[in-house]
Amino acid sequence: MTIVGRVESLWRYPVKSMRGEMLPEAYVSFGGILGDRLYAVHNSAAPKAFPYLTARAREDMLRYRPFFREPQRSVLPDNLAEAEARGPGLNPLPPDVEDLAVDVETPSGEILGADDNRLLRALSENLPGGTLTLRRSDRAITDCRPISLIATQTIGTIADAVGVSLDKRRFRANIYVDLTSASGFAEDEFVGRQLQIGGKVVVAILERDIRCKMIGIDPDTLEANSDILSYVAKNHDNRAGVYAAVLVESVVRAGDEIRVVR
């Protein structure tokens, strides 16, 4: 199998559209990275096809920082080693709901439980109608596919084209990859192919990632730069990065090699 790069970093987002957290390792399951997009804020006024409140409508969601109360229990299944030792196909036990409890630090520094109504009231301020409710799922509440990847070279290419330095967090990927190819958007070539990440995980790259205004929002200052999305739209069909489905579950770590399976 040909080595095409390495994992640059791993990320999950406990609450959809809020700040993410970088992990040294992550359990990649059929439903996505463990703990990723565990919660989402449902907006009754949003379109039924996409009923969630996101930073597209409320940019300051990017300043809300969710975190797990029991971080050491939220990354890997407790019985992972035992399950994998029994042979292929045996699914490990997912963490208990209590082990995946999430708190959120608001932009003002207040700590609230993800299910605290005060959090929803804060997010409701200045919204034009609609009722907010919290949704929880054991499977990642992603826009399209369980896993998103983007190459650091792609981010660098976009940055050079628009003449600004880009924080990779704008792209909200699960797996940032450092490819051996020096060219941006090289991950597009993997669509329709399978990649092995680390010693066991296998993903199928299904399609390119359609982008929206969020890549133009600085995650710290919330300053908007429309040139970023304009460049991607005009030169790359409004796509940057790729989506993947998981074929073989296991652990992925920062620095792991990435190989083309077929």
Protein backbone atom coordinates (compact mmCIF):
# COMPACT_ATOMS: atom_id res chain seq x y z
CA MET A 1 0.00 0.00 0.00
CA THR A 2 1.29 3.43 -0.94
CA ILE A 3 1.88 5.96 1.84
CA VAL A 4 0.31 9.27 0.81
CA GLY A 5 0.68 11.29 4.01
CA ARG A 6 0.20 11.46 7.75
CA VAL A 7 -2.41 12.64 10.21
CA GLU A 8 -1.54 16.22 11.10
CA SER A 9 -4.18 16.54 13.86
CA LEU A 10 -7.49 15.10 15.05
CA TRP A 11 -10.52 17.15 16.07
CA ARG A 12 -13.99 16.69 17.44
CA TYR A 13 -16.79 19.15 18.14
CA PRO A 14 -18.92 18.07 21.13
CA VAL A 15 -21.67 20.58 20.23
CA LYS A 16 -22.37 21.21 16.57
CA SER A 17 -21.07 24.62 15.37
CA MET A 18 -19.33 25.41 18.66
CA ARG A 19 -15.58 25.39 19.25
CA GLY A 20 -13.78 22.12 18.69
CA GLU A 21 -11.06 20.32 20.63
CA MET A 22 -7.87 18.74 19.34
CA LEU A 23 -7.13 15.17 20.44
CA PRO A 24 -3.88 13.17 20.47
CA GLU A 25 -5.93 10.08 19.60
CA ALA A 26 -9.53 9.30 18.74
CA TYR A 27 -11.78 6.29 18.35
CA VAL A 28 -13.15 6.31 14.81
CA SER A 29 -16.44 4.42 14.62
CA PHE A 30 -18.96 3.82 11.86
CA GLY A 31 -20.92 6.79 13.24
CA GLY A 32 -17.93 9.12 13.36
CA ILE A 33 -15.31 10.11 15.93
CA LEU A 34 -16.42 9.25 19.46
CA GLY A 35 -17.86 12.39 21.07
CA ASP A 36 -18.07 14.36 17.84
CA ARG A 37 -21.22 16.48 17.32
CA LEU A 38 -22.86 14.66 20.21
CA TYR A 39 -25.19 17.62 20.68
CA ALA A 40 -26.84 20.07 18.30
CA VAL A 41 -29.15 23.01 18.86
CA HIS A 42 -32.43 22.51 17.00
CA ASN A 43 -34.10 25.67 15.73
CA SER A 44 -37.84 25.40 15.00
CA ALA A 45 -37.57 28.33 12.58
CA ALA A 46 -34.85 26.72 10.46
CA PRO A 47 -35.59 24.77 7.26
CA LYS A 48 -36.71 21.20 7.92
CA ALA A 49 -33.92 19.87 5.72
CA PHE A 50 -31.32 21.49 7.99
CA PRO A 51 -33.02 22.34 11.30
CA TYR A 52 -29.98 23.30 13.38
CA LEU A 53 -28.72 26.60 14.71
CA THR A 54 -25.15 27.11 13.48
CA ALA A 55 -22.58 29.86 13.21
CA ARG A 56 -23.99 30.66 9.79
CA ALA A 57 -26.90 32.30 11.62
CA ARG A 58 -25.17 33.08 14.91
CA GLU A 59 -21.44 33.61 14.44
CA ASP A 60 -20.64 33.87 18.15
CA MET A 61 -21.41 30.15 18.55
CA LEU A 62 -17.76 29.72 17.54
CA ARG A 63 -16.79 31.34 20.86
CA TYR A 64 -18.73 28.85 22.96
CA ARG A 65 -16.33 26.15 24.18
CA PRO A 66 -17.86 22.75 24.99
CA PHE A 67 -15.83 20.21 26.95
CA PHE A 68 -16.40 16.79 28.49
CA ARG A 69 -16.69 16.59 32.29
CA GLU A 70 -14.83 13.27 32.22
CA PRO A 71 -12.34 13.83 29.39
CA GLN A 72 -10.34 10.69 30.15
CA ARG A 73 -13.49 8.57 29.69
CA SER A 74 -14.72 10.27 26.54
CA VAL A 75 -12.00 9.36 24.05
CA LEU A 76 -11.79 5.55 23.86
CA PRO A 77 -14.16 2.69 24.79
CA ASP A 78 -13.18 1.14 28.12
CA ASN A 79 -13.09 -2.39 26.72
CA LEU A 80 -11.45 -1.59 23.39
CA ALA A 81 -8.40 -3.81 23.91
CA GLU A 82 -10.51 -6.76 25.03
CA ALA A 83 -12.96 -6.38 22.15
CA GLU A 84 -10.23 -6.17 19.51
CA ALA A 85 -8.43 -9.16 21.03
CA ARG A 86 -11.53 -11.31 20.45
CA GLY A 87 -11.22 -10.92 16.71
CA PRO A 88 -12.56 -8.77 13.90
CA GLY A 89 -16.13 -7.55 13.92
CA LEU A 90 -16.68 -7.33 17.68
CA ASN A 91 -17.86 -3.82 18.57
CA PRO A 92 -16.53 -2.32 21.82
CA LEU A 93 -18.86 -0.97 24.48
CA PRO A 94 -19.61 2.74 24.03
CA PRO A 95 -19.16 5.03 27.06
CA ASP A 96 -22.11 5.60 29.38
CA VAL A 97 -24.18 8.74 28.96
CA GLU A 98 -22.67 10.05 32.22
CA ASP A 99 -19.17 9.60 30.82
CA LEU A 100 -20.08 11.81 27.87
CA ALA A 101 -21.65 14.66 29.85
CA VAL A 102 -20.73 18.01 28.31
CA ASP A 103 -20.38 21.47 29.82
CA VAL A 104 -20.06 24.67 27.82
CA GLU A 105 -18.01 27.74 28.61
CA THR A 106 -19.82 30.78 27.24
CA PRO A 107 -18.00 33.79 25.74
CA SER A 108 -18.48 35.57 29.09
CA GLY A 109 -16.73 32.72 30.95
CA GLU A 110 -19.83 31.19 32.54
CA ILE A 111 -19.89 27.38 32.72
CA LEU A 112 -23.23 25.78 31.89
CA GLY A 113 -24.31 22.21 31.28
CA ALA A 114 -25.08 21.50 27.64
CA ASP A 115 -28.63 20.67 28.71
CA ASP A 116 -29.02 23.80 30.87
CA ASN A 117 -31.91 25.97 29.67
CA ARG A 118 -29.81 29.04 30.42
CA LEU A 119 -27.55 28.06 27.53
CA LEU A 120 -30.48 27.94 25.14
CA ARG A 121 -31.74 31.29 26.41
CA ALA A 122 -28.34 32.84 25.76
CA LEU A 123 -28.31 31.46 22.23
CA SER A 124 -31.87 32.68 21.66
CA GLU A 125 -30.98 36.33 22.23
CA ASN A 126 -31.56 38.48 19.15
CA LEU A 127 -32.66 35.52 17.02
CA PRO A 128 -35.62 36.36 14.77
CA GLY A 129 -38.20 33.91 16.11
CA GLY A 130 -38.11 30.16 16.55
CA THR A 131 -37.71 27.93 19.58
CA LEU A 132 -34.37 26.35 20.45
CA THR A 133 -34.11 22.85 21.88
CA LEU A 134 -31.10 20.63 22.49
CA ARG A 135 -30.76 17.38 20.55
CA ARG A 136 -28.43 14.56 21.55
CA SER A 137 -27.36 11.60 19.44
CA ASP A 138 -25.00 8.68 19.97
CA ARG A 139 -24.02 9.13 16.32
CA ALA A 140 -22.30 12.33 15.20
CA ILE A 141 -24.82 14.94 14.02
CA THR A 142 -22.82 15.83 10.93
CA ASP A 143 -23.95 17.74 7.86
CA CYS A 144 -23.31 14.92 5.44
CA ARG A 145 -20.91 12.05 6.25
CA PRO A 146 -19.40 10.75 9.51
CA ILE A 147 -15.84 11.94 8.86
CA SER A 148 -14.40 15.01 7.16
CA LEU A 149 -10.77 15.40 6.03
CA ILE A 150 -8.79 18.25 4.57
CA ALA A 151 -5.13 18.58 3.67
CA THR A 152 -3.00 21.29 5.23
CA GLN A 153 -1.69 21.93 1.71
CA THR A 154 -5.21 22.81 0.59
CA ILE A 155 -5.58 25.35 3.37
CA GLY A 156 -2.20 26.79 2.44
CA THR A 157 -3.20 27.08 -1.21
CA ILE A 158 -6.36 28.99 -0.29
CA ALA A 159 -4.40 31.25 2.06
CA ASP A 160 -1.86 32.08 -0.66
CA ALA A 161 -4.60 32.79 -3.18
CA VAL A 162 -6.45 35.28 -0.97
CA GLY A 163 -3.30 36.74 0.59
CA VAL A 164 -4.09 36.05 4.24
CA SER A 165 -2.99 33.62 6.93
CA LEU A 166 -5.75 31.06 7.57
CA ASP A 167 -6.43 29.32 10.87
CA LYS A 168 -7.21 25.71 9.95
CA ARG A 169 -10.06 25.70 12.49
CA ARG A 170 -12.13 27.61 9.93
CA PHE A 171 -12.59 24.35 8.04
CA ARG A 172 -13.88 22.32 11.03
CA ALA A 173 -12.51 18.98 9.81
CA ASN A 174 -12.21 15.84 11.89
CA ILE A 175 -8.88 14.83 10.38
CA TYR A 176 -6.34 17.32 9.07
CA VAL A 177 -3.82 15.51 6.90
CA ASP A 178 -0.32 16.36 5.72
CA LEU A 179 -0.04 14.81 2.26
CA THR A 180 3.21 13.93 0.52
CA SER A 181 1.89 15.83 -2.48
CA ALA A 182 2.90 19.48 -2.31
CA SER A 183 -0.14 20.65 -4.23
CA GLY A 184 -3.39 21.86 -2.70
CA PHE A 185 -6.65 19.97 -3.21
CA ALA A 186 -4.75 16.71 -3.76
CA GLU A 187 -7.24 14.94 -1.47
CA ASP A 188 -9.80 15.26 -4.29
CA GLU A 189 -7.93 12.46 -6.07
CA PHE A 190 -8.97 10.02 -3.34
CA VAL A 191 -12.70 10.28 -4.06
CA GLY A 192 -13.90 6.77 -4.88
CA ARG A 193 -10.91 5.17 -3.16
CA GLN A 194 -10.20 3.69 0.26
CA LEU A 195 -7.57 4.89 2.72
CA GLN A 196 -6.09 3.12 5.74
CA ILE A 197 -5.33 5.54 8.55
CA GLY A 198 -2.99 4.18 11.17
CA GLY A 199 -2.82 0.46 11.83
CA LYS A 200 -6.44 -0.49 11.31
CA VAL A 201 -8.98 2.21 10.42
CA VAL A 202 -10.18 2.14 6.82
CA VAL A 203 -12.34 4.88 5.30
CA ALA A 204 -13.99 5.24 1.92
CA ILE A 205 -13.64 8.72 0.45
CA LEU A 206 -17.07 9.44 -0.98
CA GLU A 207 -17.26 13.04 -2.15
CA ARG A 208 -15.80 16.52 -1.93
CA ASP A 209 -16.88 18.82 0.87
CA ILE A 210 -19.24 21.64 -0.18
CA ARG A 211 -18.36 24.84 1.66
CA CYS A 212 -20.38 27.72 3.11
CA LYS A 213 -19.73 31.14 4.64
CA MET A 214 -18.26 29.60 7.82
CA ILE A 215 -14.80 29.24 6.24
CA GLY A 216 -14.80 33.02 5.91
CA ILE A 217 -15.30 33.60 9.66
CA ASP A 218 -12.26 33.92 11.94
CA PRO A 219 -12.96 31.53 14.86
CA ASP A 220 -11.50 33.94 17.43
CA THR A 221 -12.33 37.45 16.22
CA LEU A 222 -15.45 36.51 14.17
CA GLU A 223 -14.15 38.86 11.48
CA ALA A 224 -15.60 37.87 8.10
CA ASN A 225 -13.62 37.62 4.86
CA SER A 226 -15.80 36.82 1.85
CA ASP A 227 -12.75 36.40 -0.41
CA ILE A 228 -12.10 32.95 1.06
CA LEU A 229 -15.40 31.41 0.02
CA SER A 230 -15.35 33.35 -3.26
CA TYR A 231 -12.00 31.82 -4.20
CA VAL A 232 -13.15 28.30 -3.37
CA ALA A 233 -16.43 28.82 -5.24
CA LYS A 234 -14.85 30.25 -8.39
CA ASN A 235 -11.84 27.96 -8.62
CA HIS A 236 -12.82 24.68 -6.96
CA ASP A 237 -16.57 24.25 -7.46
CA ASN A 238 -17.21 25.59 -3.94
CA ARG A 239 -15.51 22.53 -2.46
CA ALA A 240 -12.53 22.05 -0.17
CA GLY A 241 -11.69 18.81 1.62
CA VAL A 242 -13.51 15.49 1.39
CA TYR A 243 -16.10 13.41 3.22
CA ALA A 244 -15.59 9.78 4.22
CA ALA A 245 -17.50 6.78 5.50
CA VAL A 246 -15.84 4.42 7.98
CA LEU A 247 -15.38 0.81 6.86
CA VAL A 248 -13.16 -0.46 9.70
CA GLU A 249 -13.34 1.01 13.20
CA SER A 250 -10.41 1.54 15.56
CA VAL A 251 -8.09 4.17 17.01
CA VAL A 252 -6.33 6.88 15.00
CA ARG A 253 -3.49 8.96 16.40
CA ALA A 254 -1.78 12.16 15.38
CA GLY A 255 1.21 11.26 13.21
CA ASP A 256 -0.32 8.04 11.88
CA GLU A 257 0.54 7.13 8.31
CA ILE A 258 -2.14 7.24 5.62
CA ARG A 259 -2.07 4.61 2.88
CA VAL A 260 -4.13 3.99 -0.22
CA VAL A 261 -5.83 0.61 0.14
CA ARG A 262 -7.37 0.53 -3.33
